[in-house]
């Protein structure tokens, strides 16, 4: 079985793993929302709280994506 680079593995999982694809879409949505908040010229306290909340969610989703990638690499080696 061939070895995948990090980017090739992400692309493969985007095409073949529904859970990974859903997480990637969530991650992109959180990034878009964070970018919207950061683009504002003035941040309210609510904006700051929402940005912080979204960054935590985005990081959690990224961790889940990395777990899937690690599981796949483990089964690829086995």
N, C-alpha and C. Protein backbone atom coordinates (compact mmCIF):
# COMPACT_ATOMS: atom_id res chain seq x y z
N UNK A 1 0.85 -1.18 0.00
CA UNK A 1 0.00 0.00 0.00
C UNK A 1 0.89 1.24 0.00
N UNK A 2 0.52 2.25 -0.81
CA UNK A 2 1.37 3.43 -0.92
C UNK A 2 1.19 4.37 0.27
N UNK A 3 2.24 5.11 0.55
CA UNK A 3 2.20 6.09 1.63
C UNK A 3 1.62 7.40 1.10
N UNK A 4 0.79 8.04 1.90
CA UNK A 4 0.20 9.32 1.54
C UNK A 4 0.94 10.44 2.27
N UNK A 5 1.12 11.58 1.58
CA UNK A 5 1.59 12.77 2.29
C UNK A 5 0.39 13.28 3.10
N UNK A 6 0.62 14.22 3.98
CA UNK A 6 -0.44 14.78 4.82
C UNK A 6 -1.58 15.33 3.94
N UNK A 7 -1.23 16.09 2.92
CA UNK A 7 -2.24 16.69 2.04
C UNK A 7 -2.97 15.64 1.21
N UNK A 8 -2.24 14.65 0.74
CA UNK A 8 -2.87 13.57 -0.03
C UNK A 8 -3.84 12.78 0.83
N UNK A 9 -3.46 12.56 2.09
CA UNK A 9 -4.33 11.84 3.00
C UNK A 9 -5.61 12.63 3.26
N UNK A 10 -5.48 13.95 3.47
CA UNK A 10 -6.66 14.80 3.67
C UNK A 10 -7.58 14.71 2.45
N UNK A 11 -7.00 14.82 1.27
CA UNK A 11 -7.79 14.76 0.03
C UNK A 11 -8.49 13.41 -0.10
N UNK A 12 -7.77 12.33 0.19
CA UNK A 12 -8.35 10.99 0.13
C UNK A 12 -9.52 10.87 1.10
N UNK A 13 -9.33 11.33 2.33
CA UNK A 13 -10.38 11.24 3.33
C UNK A 13 -11.58 12.12 2.98
N UNK A 14 -11.33 13.28 2.38
CA UNK A 14 -12.42 14.15 1.94
C UNK A 14 -13.31 13.42 0.93
N UNK A 15 -12.71 12.60 0.12
CA UNK A 15 -13.45 11.89 -0.92
C UNK A 15 -14.09 10.59 -0.42
N UNK A 16 -13.48 9.95 0.57
CA UNK A 16 -13.91 8.61 0.95
C UNK A 16 -14.43 8.45 2.38
N UNK A 17 -14.37 9.49 3.19
CA UNK A 17 -14.77 9.36 4.59
C UNK A 17 -15.78 10.46 4.93
N UNK A 18 -17.04 10.05 5.10
CA UNK A 18 -18.13 11.00 5.35
C UNK A 18 -17.89 11.81 6.64
N UNK A 19 -17.44 11.14 7.69
CA UNK A 19 -17.20 11.82 8.97
C UNK A 19 -16.12 12.90 8.81
N UNK A 20 -15.03 12.56 8.13
CA UNK A 20 -13.95 13.52 7.92
C UNK A 20 -14.44 14.71 7.10
N UNK A 21 -15.21 14.43 6.06
CA UNK A 21 -15.73 15.49 5.19
C UNK A 21 -16.64 16.44 5.98
N UNK A 22 -17.51 15.88 6.82
CA UNK A 22 -18.41 16.70 7.64
C UNK A 22 -17.62 17.58 8.61
N UNK A 23 -16.58 17.00 9.21
CA UNK A 23 -15.74 17.78 10.13
C UNK A 23 -15.00 18.89 9.39
N UNK A 24 -14.50 18.61 8.19
CA UNK A 24 -13.80 19.62 7.40
C UNK A 24 -14.74 20.77 7.04
N UNK A 25 -15.98 20.45 6.74
CA UNK A 25 -16.96 21.49 6.43
C UNK A 25 -17.25 22.34 7.66
N UNK A 26 -17.38 21.71 8.83
CA UNK A 26 -17.58 22.45 10.08
C UNK A 26 -16.39 23.36 10.34
N UNK A 27 -15.18 22.82 10.17
CA UNK A 27 -13.95 23.58 10.40
C UNK A 27 -13.93 24.82 9.51
N UNK A 28 -14.28 24.66 8.24
CA UNK A 28 -14.29 25.79 7.30
C UNK A 28 -15.35 26.82 7.70
N UNK A 29 -16.49 26.35 8.17
CA UNK A 29 -17.55 27.27 8.60
C UNK A 29 -17.11 28.07 9.83
N UNK A 30 -16.50 27.40 10.80
CA UNK A 30 -16.00 28.11 11.98
C UNK A 30 -14.95 29.14 11.58
N UNK A 31 -14.07 28.79 10.66
CA UNK A 31 -13.05 29.72 10.20
C UNK A 31 -13.70 30.94 9.55
N UNK A 32 -14.73 30.71 8.73
CA UNK A 32 -15.42 31.81 8.07
C UNK A 32 -16.05 32.75 9.10
N UNK A 33 -16.69 32.18 10.11
CA UNK A 33 -17.32 33.00 11.15
C UNK A 33 -16.29 33.79 11.95
N UNK A 34 -15.17 33.15 12.26
CA UNK A 34 -14.09 33.84 12.98
C UNK A 34 -13.56 34.99 12.13
N UNK A 35 -13.35 34.73 10.85
CA UNK A 35 -12.85 35.77 9.95
C UNK A 35 -13.81 36.95 9.87
N UNK A 36 -15.11 36.67 9.89
CA UNK A 36 -16.12 37.74 9.88
C UNK A 36 -15.98 38.62 11.11
N UNK A 37 -15.84 37.99 12.26
CA UNK A 37 -15.70 38.75 13.51
C UNK A 37 -14.41 39.57 13.48
N UNK A 38 -13.30 38.94 13.06
CA UNK A 38 -12.01 39.62 13.04
C UNK A 38 -11.98 40.77 12.04
N UNK A 39 -12.84 40.73 11.02
CA UNK A 39 -12.87 41.78 10.00
C UNK A 39 -13.60 43.03 10.48
N UNK A 40 -14.34 42.92 11.56
CA UNK A 40 -15.06 44.07 12.08
C UNK A 40 -14.07 45.11 12.61
N UNK A 41 -14.36 46.39 12.37
CA UNK A 41 -13.45 47.43 12.87
C UNK A 41 -13.48 47.56 14.39
N UNK A 42 -14.61 47.18 15.01
CA UNK A 42 -14.74 47.28 16.46
C UNK A 42 -15.35 45.98 16.98
N UNK A 43 -14.79 45.45 18.05
CA UNK A 43 -15.31 44.21 18.63
C UNK A 43 -16.02 44.50 19.94
N UNK A 44 -17.27 44.06 20.01
CA UNK A 44 -18.01 44.18 21.27
C UNK A 44 -17.57 43.05 22.20
N UNK A 45 -17.90 43.15 23.47
CA UNK A 45 -17.59 42.02 24.37
C UNK A 45 -18.23 40.71 23.89
N UNK A 46 -19.42 40.82 23.30
CA UNK A 46 -20.09 39.62 22.77
C UNK A 46 -19.29 39.03 21.60
N UNK A 47 -18.75 39.92 20.76
CA UNK A 47 -17.90 39.45 19.65
C UNK A 47 -16.69 38.70 20.18
N UNK A 48 -16.07 39.24 21.21
CA UNK A 48 -14.88 38.61 21.79
C UNK A 48 -15.22 37.22 22.34
N UNK A 49 -16.36 37.13 23.04
CA UNK A 49 -16.78 35.83 23.59
C UNK A 49 -17.09 34.85 22.47
N UNK A 50 -17.79 35.31 21.44
CA UNK A 50 -18.14 34.43 20.33
C UNK A 50 -16.90 33.98 19.57
N UNK A 51 -15.96 34.88 19.37
CA UNK A 51 -14.71 34.51 18.70
C UNK A 51 -13.97 33.44 19.50
N UNK A 52 -13.89 33.63 20.80
CA UNK A 52 -13.23 32.67 21.67
C UNK A 52 -13.93 31.31 21.61
N UNK A 53 -15.26 31.31 21.66
CA UNK A 53 -16.05 30.07 21.59
C UNK A 53 -15.82 29.36 20.26
N UNK A 54 -15.85 30.12 19.16
CA UNK A 54 -15.67 29.54 17.83
C UNK A 54 -14.26 28.97 17.67
N UNK A 55 -13.26 29.65 18.21
CA UNK A 55 -11.89 29.14 18.11
C UNK A 55 -11.74 27.82 18.85
N UNK A 56 -12.40 27.70 20.01
CA UNK A 56 -12.36 26.42 20.74
C UNK A 56 -13.03 25.32 19.94
N UNK A 57 -14.19 25.62 19.35
CA UNK A 57 -14.90 24.63 18.55
C UNK A 57 -14.07 24.22 17.33
N UNK A 58 -13.46 25.20 16.69
CA UNK A 58 -12.64 24.93 15.51
C UNK A 58 -11.47 24.02 15.88
N UNK A 59 -10.83 24.29 17.00
CA UNK A 59 -9.71 23.47 17.45
C UNK A 59 -10.17 22.05 17.77
N UNK A 60 -11.33 21.92 18.40
CA UNK A 60 -11.86 20.60 18.72
C UNK A 60 -12.11 19.80 17.44
N UNK A 61 -12.68 20.45 16.44
CA UNK A 61 -12.95 19.77 15.16
C UNK A 61 -11.63 19.36 14.50
N UNK A 62 -10.65 20.25 14.56
CA UNK A 62 -9.34 19.93 13.98
C UNK A 62 -8.72 18.71 14.68
N UNK A 63 -8.85 18.65 16.00
CA UNK A 63 -8.35 17.49 16.74
C UNK A 63 -9.05 16.21 16.29
N UNK A 64 -10.36 16.28 16.08
CA UNK A 64 -11.11 15.11 15.62
C UNK A 64 -10.62 14.69 14.23
N UNK A 65 -10.35 15.65 13.37
CA UNK A 65 -9.85 15.35 12.02
C UNK A 65 -8.49 14.65 12.11
N UNK A 66 -7.63 15.14 13.00
CA UNK A 66 -6.31 14.53 13.16
C UNK A 66 -6.42 13.11 13.73
N UNK A 67 -7.40 12.87 14.60
CA UNK A 67 -7.61 11.52 15.13
C UNK A 67 -7.98 10.56 14.00
N UNK A 68 -8.85 11.01 13.11
CA UNK A 68 -9.23 10.17 11.96
C UNK A 68 -8.02 9.89 11.10
N UNK A 69 -7.21 10.91 10.85
CA UNK A 69 -6.00 10.74 10.04
C UNK A 69 -5.05 9.75 10.71
N UNK A 70 -4.90 9.87 12.02
CA UNK A 70 -4.02 8.94 12.75
C UNK A 70 -4.53 7.51 12.69
N UNK A 71 -5.85 7.35 12.85
CA UNK A 71 -6.45 6.02 12.75
C UNK A 71 -6.20 5.43 11.38
N UNK A 72 -6.35 6.25 10.35
CA UNK A 72 -6.15 5.76 8.99
C UNK A 72 -4.69 5.36 8.78
N UNK A 73 -3.75 6.18 9.27
CA UNK A 73 -2.33 5.86 9.13
C UNK A 73 -2.01 4.56 9.87
N UNK A 74 -2.61 4.35 11.02
CA UNK A 74 -2.38 3.14 11.81
C UNK A 74 -2.88 1.91 11.05
N UNK A 75 -4.07 1.99 10.47
CA UNK A 75 -4.60 0.84 9.73
C UNK A 75 -3.84 0.64 8.43
N UNK A 76 -3.28 1.73 7.87
CA UNK A 76 -2.50 1.63 6.63
C UNK A 76 -1.22 0.85 6.88
N UNK A 77 -0.61 1.06 8.05
CA UNK A 77 0.64 0.38 8.38
C UNK A 77 0.39 -1.08 8.75
N UNK A 78 -0.73 -1.32 9.43
CA UNK A 78 -1.04 -2.69 9.89
C UNK A 78 -1.30 -3.65 8.76
